[in-house]
Amino acid sequence: MAGLMKLYGGLMQIPGVDVQELTMTENMAFVWDETGFMRWPLALCVLIGFVVIIYKFFDLTRASIATKKILAEVDGLLAEGRLDEALEATASSSAPAAKILYAGLERADEGSERVSKAIENEGLIQLSKLESFLVVLATLTNVAPLLGFLGTVIGMIIAFQSIEAAGEVEATLVAGGIKVALLTTAAGLVIAIPVSVAHNFFVSKIDSLVIDMEESAQNMIDVLHAREG
């Protein structure tokens, strides 16, 4: 929003356009009004992005804490050869890692190959759950700038229509259309940039969780393989 305010300040330097001293609230209201009908799809992008980012932040934070806790517990039990207790611990936990390890421990008597297959299948399921809604953020990253550029095109069309209707070029005639064009472009980028940052942050957090789970799963497979031997 601060970027939009600076942009608006630059537009106000166009000859013939009055400069007004407005408060932040008034500036926000002005930008909302001057963005035209494109404000509605852009506002929808903001709302969806905000809700998804908040949800994924708490969801992945909860999953990360629970995963670290269960992995530490199960690794300790496996090191002592207490497979039954490890199975009970994973069964009572809701962490993604617990479900993966439980799928393997449940087939501990069927051989390490069956355990590896069970872990792989459950791992794909849990990974898809961890990545839920990330496609929404990726889509917003692409759609928000496109909506902004669409507003730019519409604003320029308005500007040229004003010139055509007047039969001459004056700054006051085209300022309105250019203002809409620049404001929608800036709004689209202001939305896309933080959404893109959040998306990449969540991807890196999921990758970190996956690495921890893979290490623990491999440790369990090694223990079971040694037990077979």
Protein backbone atom coordinates (compact mmCIF):
# COMPACT_ATOMS: atom_id res chain seq x y z
CA MET A 1 0.00 0.00 0.00
CA ALA A 2 2.90 2.38 0.69
CA GLY A 3 4.14 1.72 -2.84
CA LEU A 4 0.74 2.65 -4.23
CA MET A 5 0.81 5.87 -2.21
CA LYS A 6 4.17 6.84 -3.73
CA LEU A 7 2.86 6.03 -7.17
CA TYR A 8 -0.17 8.19 -6.55
CA GLY A 9 2.09 10.99 -5.38
CA GLY A 10 3.98 10.80 -8.66
CA LEU A 11 0.75 10.92 -10.63
CA MET A 12 -0.25 14.05 -8.77
CA GLN A 13 2.73 15.84 -10.35
CA ILE A 14 1.01 15.75 -13.76
CA PRO A 15 0.19 19.32 -14.82
CA GLY A 16 -3.44 20.12 -14.32
CA VAL A 17 -3.98 17.57 -11.59
CA ASP A 18 -4.63 19.01 -8.16
CA VAL A 19 -2.47 17.86 -5.29
CA GLN A 20 -4.39 16.95 -2.15
CA GLU A 21 -3.08 16.35 1.32
CA LEU A 22 -4.79 13.16 2.46
CA THR A 23 -4.46 10.92 5.48
CA MET A 24 -3.45 7.28 5.10
CA THR A 25 -7.08 6.16 5.43
CA GLU A 26 -8.17 8.69 2.84
CA ASN A 27 -5.35 7.62 0.53
CA MET A 28 -6.37 3.98 0.84
CA ALA A 29 -9.97 4.89 0.11
CA PHE A 30 -8.83 6.96 -2.87
CA VAL A 31 -6.74 4.12 -4.30
CA TRP A 32 -9.67 1.74 -3.79
CA ASP A 33 -11.99 4.07 -5.71
CA GLU A 34 -9.53 4.94 -8.48
CA THR A 35 -8.54 1.35 -9.24
CA GLY A 36 -11.87 0.93 -11.01
CA PHE A 37 -13.79 -2.30 -11.31
CA MET A 38 -10.49 -4.24 -11.24
CA ARG A 39 -10.41 -3.59 -7.48
CA TRP A 40 -12.84 -6.46 -6.92
CA PRO A 41 -10.79 -9.32 -8.43
CA LEU A 42 -7.64 -7.83 -6.89
CA ALA A 43 -9.33 -7.61 -3.48
CA LEU A 44 -10.42 -11.23 -3.87
CA CYS A 45 -6.78 -12.20 -4.52
CA VAL A 46 -5.75 -10.38 -1.33
CA LEU A 47 -8.44 -12.12 0.72
CA ILE A 48 -7.68 -15.61 -0.60
CA GLY A 49 -3.92 -15.12 -0.26
CA PHE A 50 -4.21 -13.83 3.31
CA VAL A 51 -6.45 -16.71 4.44
CA VAL A 52 -4.27 -19.39 2.82
CA ILE A 53 -1.01 -17.92 4.14
CA ILE A 54 -2.32 -17.73 7.71
CA TYR A 55 -3.73 -21.27 7.51
CA LYS A 56 -0.57 -22.82 6.04
CA PHE A 57 1.67 -21.00 8.51
CA PHE A 58 -0.11 -22.47 11.53
CA ASP A 59 -0.64 -25.84 9.84
CA LEU A 60 3.04 -26.30 8.97
CA THR A 61 4.18 -24.93 12.33
CA ARG A 62 2.00 -27.49 14.10
CA ALA A 63 3.22 -30.27 11.79
CA SER A 64 6.85 -29.28 12.32
CA ILE A 65 6.59 -29.28 16.13
CA ALA A 66 4.70 -32.60 16.20
CA THR A 67 7.12 -34.19 13.72
CA LYS A 68 10.23 -33.25 15.67
CA LYS A 69 8.67 -34.58 18.86
CA ILE A 70 7.59 -37.94 17.43
CA LEU A 71 10.81 -38.48 15.49
CA ALA A 72 12.93 -37.95 18.59
CA GLU A 73 10.73 -40.36 20.56
CA VAL A 74 10.61 -43.08 17.89
CA ASP A 75 14.32 -42.87 17.11
CA GLY A 76 15.07 -43.45 20.78
CA LEU A 77 12.70 -46.43 20.98
CA LEU A 78 14.10 -47.98 17.81
CA ALA A 79 17.64 -47.60 19.08
CA GLU A 80 16.62 -49.67 22.11
CA GLY A 81 14.78 -52.21 19.95
CA ARG A 82 11.39 -51.42 21.50
CA LEU A 83 9.35 -51.80 18.32
CA ASP A 84 6.00 -52.37 20.03
CA GLU A 85 6.29 -49.14 22.00
CA ALA A 86 7.37 -47.29 18.85
CA LEU A 87 4.29 -48.62 17.07
CA GLU A 88 2.05 -47.41 19.91
CA ALA A 89 3.71 -43.99 19.92
CA THR A 90 3.19 -43.48 16.18
CA ALA A 91 -0.40 -44.74 16.38
CA SER A 92 -1.31 -42.13 19.00
CA SER A 93 0.27 -39.19 17.15
CA SER A 94 -1.32 -37.09 14.42
CA ALA A 95 1.99 -35.90 12.96
CA PRO A 96 2.64 -36.71 9.28
CA ALA A 97 5.88 -38.43 10.24
CA ALA A 98 4.03 -40.62 12.75
CA LYS A 99 1.66 -41.88 10.06
CA ILE A 100 4.57 -42.71 7.77
CA LEU A 101 6.50 -44.57 10.47
CA TYR A 102 3.35 -46.34 11.61
CA ALA A 103 2.77 -47.64 8.09
CA GLY A 104 6.25 -49.16 8.17
CA LEU A 105 6.20 -50.48 11.72
CA GLU A 106 2.84 -52.09 11.09
CA ARG A 107 4.55 -54.33 8.52
CA ALA A 108 7.71 -54.93 10.50
CA ASP A 109 7.18 -58.70 10.39
CA GLU A 110 6.69 -58.76 6.61
CA GLY A 111 10.26 -57.89 5.69
CA SER A 112 12.15 -54.68 5.05
CA GLU A 113 11.07 -54.57 1.41
CA ARG A 114 7.39 -54.45 2.36
CA VAL A 115 8.20 -51.84 5.00
CA SER A 116 9.95 -49.64 2.42
CA LYS A 117 6.99 -49.88 0.05
CA ALA A 118 4.51 -49.03 2.80
CA ILE A 119 6.60 -46.01 3.85
CA GLU A 120 6.87 -44.82 0.26
CA ASN A 121 3.11 -45.02 -0.34
CA GLU A 122 2.19 -43.31 2.92
CA GLY A 123 4.90 -40.71 2.34
CA LEU A 124 3.27 -39.66 -0.94
CA ILE A 125 -0.08 -39.30 0.80
CA GLN A 126 1.32 -37.17 3.62
CA LEU A 127 3.36 -35.04 1.22
CA SER A 128 0.24 -34.23 -0.78
CA LYS A 129 -1.47 -33.15 2.45
CA LEU A 130 1.45 -30.95 3.45
CA GLU A 131 1.41 -29.31 0.03
CA SER A 132 -2.33 -28.66 0.10
CA PHE A 133 -3.33 -25.11 -0.88
CA LEU A 134 0.18 -24.28 -2.11
CA VAL A 135 -1.21 -24.46 -5.63
CA VAL A 136 -3.56 -21.63 -4.63
CA LEU A 137 -0.60 -19.41 -3.70
CA ALA A 138 1.23 -20.36 -6.90
CA THR A 139 -1.86 -19.47 -8.91
CA LEU A 140 -2.25 -16.11 -7.16
CA THR A 141 1.40 -15.32 -7.88
CA ASN A 142 0.63 -15.61 -11.59
CA VAL A 143 -2.94 -14.29 -11.65
CA ALA A 144 -2.50 -11.09 -9.59
CA PRO A 145 0.05 -9.47 -11.96
CA LEU A 146 -2.05 -10.55 -14.95
CA LEU A 147 -5.10 -8.85 -13.44
CA GLY A 148 -2.95 -5.78 -12.89
CA PHE A 149 -1.79 -5.80 -16.51
CA LEU A 150 -5.39 -6.25 -17.64
CA GLY A 151 -6.26 -3.14 -15.64
CA THR A 152 -3.36 -1.38 -17.36
CA VAL A 153 -4.73 -2.21 -20.79
CA ILE A 154 -8.20 -1.09 -19.79
CA GLY A 155 -6.81 2.16 -18.33
CA MET A 156 -4.91 2.92 -21.53
CA ILE A 157 -8.01 2.23 -23.58
CA ILE A 158 -9.88 4.74 -21.41
CA ALA A 159 -7.09 7.29 -21.93
CA PHE A 160 -7.14 6.92 -25.72
CA GLN A 161 -10.92 7.07 -25.80
CA SER A 162 -10.70 10.39 -23.94
CA ILE A 163 -8.20 11.69 -26.49
CA GLU A 164 -10.37 10.50 -29.37
CA ALA A 165 -13.47 12.14 -27.91
CA ALA A 166 -11.70 15.46 -27.31
CA GLY A 167 -9.77 15.49 -30.58
CA GLU A 168 -6.63 16.74 -28.85
CA VAL A 169 -4.04 15.59 -26.32
CA GLU A 170 -4.09 17.17 -22.87
CA ALA A 171 -2.65 15.84 -19.63
CA THR A 172 -5.96 16.24 -17.84
CA LEU A 173 -7.68 14.07 -20.44
CA VAL A 174 -5.36 11.10 -20.17
CA ALA A 175 -4.42 11.37 -16.48
CA GLY A 176 -7.45 9.40 -15.30
CA GLY A 177 -6.87 6.47 -17.62
CA ILE A 178 -3.13 6.38 -16.94
CA LYS A 179 -3.82 6.57 -13.21
CA VAL A 180 -6.07 3.50 -13.37
CA ALA A 181 -3.50 1.70 -15.53
CA LEU A 182 -0.59 2.28 -13.16
CA LEU A 183 -2.55 1.68 -9.97
CA THR A 184 -3.85 -1.72 -11.12
CA THR A 185 -0.39 -2.80 -12.26
CA ALA A 186 1.15 -1.74 -8.96
CA ALA A 187 -1.64 -3.45 -7.00
CA GLY A 188 -1.13 -6.71 -8.87
CA LEU A 189 2.61 -6.68 -8.14
CA VAL A 190 2.10 -5.66 -4.51
CA ILE A 191 -0.15 -8.72 -4.10
CA ALA A 192 2.03 -11.17 -6.05
CA ILE A 193 5.37 -10.41 -4.39
CA PRO A 194 4.49 -11.32 -0.75
CA VAL A 195 2.39 -14.29 -1.93
CA SER A 196 5.38 -15.58 -3.90
CA VAL A 197 7.66 -15.13 -0.90
CA ALA A 198 5.19 -17.00 1.33
CA HIS A 199 4.86 -19.82 -1.22
CA ASN A 200 8.63 -20.32 -1.40
CA PHE A 201 8.90 -20.18 2.39
CA PHE A 202 6.29 -22.92 2.78
CA VAL A 203 7.97 -25.07 0.11
CA SER A 204 11.31 -24.83 1.91
CA LYS A 205 9.65 -25.70 5.22
CA ILE A 206 7.98 -28.75 3.69
CA ASP A 207 11.28 -29.83 2.14
CA SER A 208 12.91 -29.62 5.57
CA LEU A 209 10.15 -31.77 7.08
CA VAL A 210 10.48 -34.32 4.29
CA ILE A 211 14.23 -34.62 4.83
CA ASP A 212 13.74 -35.24 8.56
CA MET A 213 11.08 -37.86 7.88
CA GLU A 214 13.19 -39.62 5.26
CA GLU A 215 16.14 -39.83 7.63
CA SER A 216 13.99 -41.30 10.39
CA ALA A 217 12.29 -43.72 7.99
CA GLN A 218 15.66 -44.91 6.69
CA ASN A 219 16.85 -45.37 10.26
CA MET A 220 13.82 -47.53 10.96
CA ILE A 221 14.42 -49.61 7.85
CA ASP A 222 18.04 -50.16 8.90
CA VAL A 223 16.91 -51.31 12.33
CA LEU A 224 14.39 -53.73 10.88
CA HIS A 225 16.88 -55.01 8.34
CA ALA A 226 19.42 -55.65 11.10
CA ARG A 227 16.74 -57.41 13.08
CA GLU A 228 16.04 -59.70 10.11
CA GLY A 229 19.72 -60.49 9.85
